Protein backbone atom coordinates (compact mmCIF):
# COMPACT_ATOMS: atom_id res chain seq x y z
CA MET A 1 -19.83 1.79 33.54
CA SER A 2 -18.15 -1.44 33.35
CA VAL A 3 -16.79 -2.30 30.08
CA PRO A 4 -17.99 -5.89 28.48
CA PRO A 5 -14.82 -8.56 28.14
CA VAL A 6 -15.90 -8.42 24.38
CA ARG A 7 -15.64 -4.89 24.30
CA ARG A 8 -12.47 -4.79 25.95
CA ARG A 9 -10.55 -7.66 24.05
CA ALA A 10 -11.58 -5.90 20.58
CA VAL A 11 -10.31 -2.39 21.68
CA GLY A 12 -6.99 -4.47 22.46
CA ARG A 13 -6.81 -6.09 19.48
CA LEU A 14 -7.26 -3.01 17.71
CA ARG A 15 -4.88 -1.34 19.83
CA THR A 16 -2.31 -4.25 18.98
CA ALA A 17 -2.94 -3.49 15.44
CA ILE A 18 -2.33 0.45 16.11
CA GLY A 19 1.11 -0.13 17.69
CA ALA A 20 2.42 -2.25 14.85
CA LEU A 21 1.63 -0.16 12.78
CA VAL A 22 3.50 2.50 13.84
CA VAL A 23 6.49 0.61 15.24
CA ALA A 24 6.60 -0.50 11.82
CA LEU A 25 6.96 2.40 10.00
CA ALA A 26 10.43 4.90 10.09
CA ALA A 27 10.76 7.05 12.46
CA GLY A 28 9.43 10.02 12.24
CA ALA A 29 6.41 9.06 10.04
CA ALA A 30 2.89 9.38 11.16
CA VAL A 31 0.12 8.08 9.72
CA ALA A 32 -4.21 8.38 9.65
CA LEU A 33 -5.88 5.21 10.52
CA PRO A 34 -9.22 4.66 9.75
CA ALA A 35 -11.75 7.23 11.12
CA ALA A 36 -14.43 4.44 12.02
CA GLU A 37 -13.55 0.49 12.81
CA ALA A 38 -16.98 -0.25 10.35
CA GLN A 39 -14.41 0.34 7.77
CA ALA A 40 -12.91 -3.18 9.44
CA ALA A 41 -16.52 -4.61 9.32
CA GLY A 42 -14.67 -8.00 7.35
CA ALA A 43 -11.82 -8.51 9.98
CA LYS A 44 -12.16 -11.97 11.88
CA GLY A 45 -10.25 -10.82 15.68
CA GLY A 46 -9.06 -6.81 14.40
CA LYS A 47 -7.03 -8.39 12.16
CA VAL A 48 -6.81 -5.36 9.29
CA VAL A 49 -4.30 -4.57 6.76
CA TYR A 50 -3.84 -1.65 4.25
CA LEU A 51 -2.80 -1.83 0.31
CA THR A 52 -1.25 0.95 -0.76
CA PHE A 53 -0.50 1.26 -4.48
CA ASP A 54 1.70 3.93 -5.59
CA ASP A 55 2.91 5.84 -8.38
CA GLY A 56 -0.26 5.91 -10.83
CA PRO A 57 -2.66 6.78 -12.15
CA SER A 58 -2.03 4.39 -15.25
CA PRO A 59 -4.24 4.02 -17.60
CA ALA A 60 -3.15 0.43 -18.54
CA TYR A 61 -2.90 -0.70 -14.99
CA THR A 62 -4.92 1.09 -12.26
CA SER A 63 -7.96 -0.09 -14.00
CA LYS A 64 -7.18 -3.38 -14.01
CA VAL A 65 -6.37 -2.62 -9.88
CA LEU A 66 -9.30 -1.50 -9.53
CA ALA A 67 -10.90 -4.52 -11.36
CA THR A 68 -9.59 -6.81 -8.47
CA LEU A 69 -10.24 -4.65 -5.63
CA GLY A 70 -14.09 -4.35 -7.01
CA ARG A 71 -14.03 -8.17 -7.45
CA TYR A 72 -13.18 -8.97 -3.85
CA GLY A 73 -14.77 -6.00 -2.28
CA VAL A 74 -11.97 -4.64 -1.48
CA ARG A 75 -10.63 -0.71 -0.45
CA ALA A 76 -7.37 0.86 -0.83
CA THR A 77 -5.24 4.13 -1.16
CA PHE A 78 -3.65 5.12 -4.39
CA PHE A 79 -0.85 7.46 -3.43
CA GLU A 80 -0.87 9.63 -7.07
CA ILE A 81 1.48 11.27 -9.10
CA GLY A 82 0.41 14.76 -9.90
CA GLN A 83 1.33 15.03 -13.50
CA ASN A 84 0.20 11.32 -14.12
CA VAL A 85 -3.37 12.65 -12.16
CA SER A 86 -2.98 15.54 -15.22
CA ALA A 87 -2.28 13.41 -17.74
CA HIS A 88 -5.35 10.69 -16.89
CA PRO A 89 -8.08 12.60 -14.68
CA ALA A 90 -10.84 10.56 -15.85
CA VAL A 91 -8.66 7.41 -14.30
CA THR A 92 -8.14 8.95 -11.24
CA ALA A 93 -11.76 9.80 -10.43
CA GLN A 94 -12.92 7.06 -11.38
CA VAL A 95 -10.41 5.31 -8.47
CA ALA A 96 -12.25 7.93 -6.04
CA LYS A 97 -15.95 6.90 -7.58
CA GLN A 98 -15.12 3.55 -6.47
CA GLY A 99 -14.80 4.34 -2.71
CA HIS A 100 -11.00 4.65 -2.47
CA SER A 101 -8.79 7.38 -1.13
CA VAL A 102 -6.22 9.49 -2.94
CA GLN A 103 -3.25 10.41 -1.52
CA ASN A 104 -0.69 12.97 -2.56
CA HIS A 105 2.67 11.20 -3.94
CA SER A 106 4.24 14.39 -5.43
CA TRP A 107 3.56 16.18 -9.14
CA SER A 108 6.96 14.46 -10.28
CA HIS A 109 8.38 11.78 -7.88
CA PRO A 110 11.33 13.72 -6.83
CA ASP A 111 13.29 12.87 -3.63
CA LEU A 112 11.73 15.62 -2.03
CA SER A 113 14.70 15.70 0.85
CA ARG A 114 16.52 17.03 -1.38
CA LEU A 115 14.08 20.38 -2.83
CA SER A 116 14.05 23.68 -1.73
CA ALA A 117 11.31 24.45 0.52
CA THR A 118 9.44 26.34 -2.53
CA ALA A 119 10.14 23.58 -4.87
CA LEU A 120 8.62 20.93 -2.09
CA ASN A 121 5.67 23.37 -1.92
CA ALA A 122 4.78 23.73 -5.46
CA GLN A 123 5.22 19.58 -5.57
CA VAL A 124 2.88 19.28 -2.84
CA ALA A 125 0.25 22.03 -3.69
CA ASP A 126 0.35 21.60 -7.38
CA THR A 127 -0.17 17.49 -7.44
CA ASP A 128 -3.29 18.29 -4.59
CA LYS A 129 -5.03 21.02 -6.80
CA VAL A 130 -5.14 18.03 -9.62
CA ILE A 131 -6.52 15.30 -7.16
CA ARG A 132 -8.73 17.56 -5.83
CA ALA A 133 -9.91 19.17 -9.47
CA GLN A 134 -10.93 14.89 -9.72
CA THR A 135 -12.12 13.97 -6.84
CA GLY A 136 -13.45 16.95 -4.58
CA ARG A 137 -11.47 16.20 -2.16
CA THR A 138 -7.87 16.95 -0.80
CA PRO A 139 -5.13 14.98 0.08
CA SER A 140 -5.15 14.99 3.69
CA CYS A 141 -1.33 12.27 3.21
CA LEU A 142 1.75 12.45 1.74
CA ARG A 143 4.19 9.73 1.00
CA PRO A 144 7.44 11.44 0.15
CA PRO A 145 8.68 9.12 -3.27
CA TYR A 146 11.54 6.53 -2.10
CA GLY A 147 10.61 6.89 1.51
CA ALA A 148 13.04 10.32 1.77
CA VAL A 149 12.32 12.12 4.85
CA ASN A 150 14.03 14.03 7.22
CA GLY A 151 13.45 17.02 9.31
CA THR A 152 12.78 19.35 6.22
CA VAL A 153 9.85 17.22 4.64
CA ARG A 154 8.68 16.79 7.81
CA SER A 155 8.05 20.08 9.08
CA LYS A 156 6.83 21.41 5.85
CA ALA A 157 4.24 18.10 5.19
CA ALA A 158 3.09 19.94 8.69
CA ALA A 159 2.90 22.89 7.70
CA LEU A 160 0.80 21.92 4.64
CA GLY A 161 -1.31 20.22 6.75
CA LYS A 162 -0.24 16.90 5.44
CA GLN A 163 0.78 13.47 7.51
CA ILE A 164 3.38 11.78 6.40
CA VAL A 165 2.82 7.59 5.72
CA LEU A 166 5.54 5.35 4.26
CA TRP A 167 4.82 1.47 4.63
CA SER A 168 5.80 -1.79 6.25
CA VAL A 169 5.75 -4.14 4.44
CA ASP A 170 7.37 -3.91 0.79
CA PRO A 171 7.43 -6.53 -1.68
CA ALA A 172 9.84 -4.80 -4.53
CA ASP A 173 7.30 -4.78 -6.93
CA TRP A 174 8.76 -2.10 -8.85
CA SER A 175 11.24 -4.77 -9.91
CA ARG A 176 9.67 -6.96 -11.72
CA PRO A 177 10.90 -10.42 -9.63
CA GLY A 178 7.40 -12.34 -10.81
CA ALA A 179 4.41 -12.50 -9.79
CA ALA A 180 4.61 -15.63 -7.21
CA ALA A 181 8.06 -13.88 -5.97
CA ILE A 182 5.44 -10.56 -4.93
CA ARG A 183 2.96 -12.68 -3.49
CA SER A 184 5.20 -14.84 -1.46
CA ARG A 185 6.95 -11.83 -0.34
CA VAL A 186 3.70 -10.21 0.67
CA LEU A 187 2.27 -12.82 2.37
CA ASN A 188 5.13 -13.81 4.89
CA ASN A 189 5.84 -10.56 5.85
CA VAL A 190 1.54 -9.60 6.69
CA ARG A 191 0.65 -8.82 10.49
CA PRO A 192 -2.02 -6.86 11.88
CA GLY A 193 -1.69 -3.41 10.70
CA SER A 194 0.54 -3.67 7.77
CA VAL A 195 0.87 -1.27 5.30
CA ILE A 196 1.41 -3.26 2.11
CA LEU A 197 3.09 -1.25 -0.85
CA LEU A 198 2.67 -2.20 -3.96
CA HIS A 199 2.48 -0.29 -7.64
CA ASP A 200 -0.15 0.58 -10.60
CA GLY A 201 1.93 3.22 -11.76
CA GLY A 202 5.44 4.05 -13.39
CA GLY A 203 6.41 1.43 -15.92
CA ASP A 204 4.94 -2.24 -16.48
CA ARG A 205 2.70 -3.28 -13.82
CA SER A 206 0.98 -6.77 -15.01
CA GLN A 207 3.17 -8.76 -12.31
CA THR A 208 1.40 -6.77 -9.61
CA VAL A 209 -1.94 -7.49 -11.01
CA ALA A 210 -1.19 -11.06 -11.63
CA ALA A 211 -0.12 -11.15 -8.23
CA LEU A 212 -3.04 -9.27 -6.73
CA PRO A 213 -5.83 -11.96 -6.39
CA GLY A 214 -3.45 -14.15 -4.36
CA ILE A 215 -2.61 -11.71 -2.29
CA ILE A 216 -6.06 -10.76 -0.98
CA SER A 217 -7.75 -14.14 -1.66
CA THR A 218 -5.00 -15.73 1.18
CA LEU A 219 -5.31 -12.64 3.22
CA LYS A 220 -9.17 -12.68 3.80
CA ALA A 221 -8.66 -16.75 4.40
CA ARG A 222 -6.25 -15.89 6.54
CA GLY A 223 -8.94 -13.46 8.63
CA TYR A 224 -7.84 -10.18 7.39
CA GLY A 225 -9.78 -7.44 6.62
CA PHE A 226 -9.16 -4.42 4.67
CA ALA A 227 -9.03 -0.62 5.44
CA THR A 228 -8.58 2.72 3.47
CA LEU A 229 -5.50 5.43 4.99
CA CYS A 230 -6.04 9.44 4.83
CA GLY A 231 -10.06 8.55 4.40
């Protein structure tokens, strides 16, 4: 049976976006793409990006990020620190309740490539446990702190059933360069399939919160849709 031209073009655009995403990530990294195209139904021409937030949950900033995402009808992926989940479990529960993906970012944000196998296992397993307690789901993905990945991290992540997810657009919002700089750095570098790295925890994230509405509204105006990773 022949494939209609419209369907062929849609498949081609999806493959292009996936290719751009995979190429943009660090060598050896794997990324979990949305299971259903319906998650990106709002995109024009198959243009999809992935908003991700690291180092939460934060009682001061995560709720503000969630409010903005809710206002624009956007879902994102939150890579959370286990000890922060333990300290603020209700915030993680709210992230999941609003339909976002909650994934593993280690227990205490060490450089996993410098840890023993036993310590690395504990960093991942302990974080899985507290996230599962609040969301009912075990994370399928791991984002190593600092993007520090080597052969040991890859092999241990695979043994623990985790895909490693990094990023392709980093506005360095953690350095607090100003909301305008964060916004422009994202918008100047985003492409179909981009994984955008932002932070909702780990410090003062007021600039990220301030930049987020402009990032989302501009990308929507450009015809982008948003989807979650590791769903």
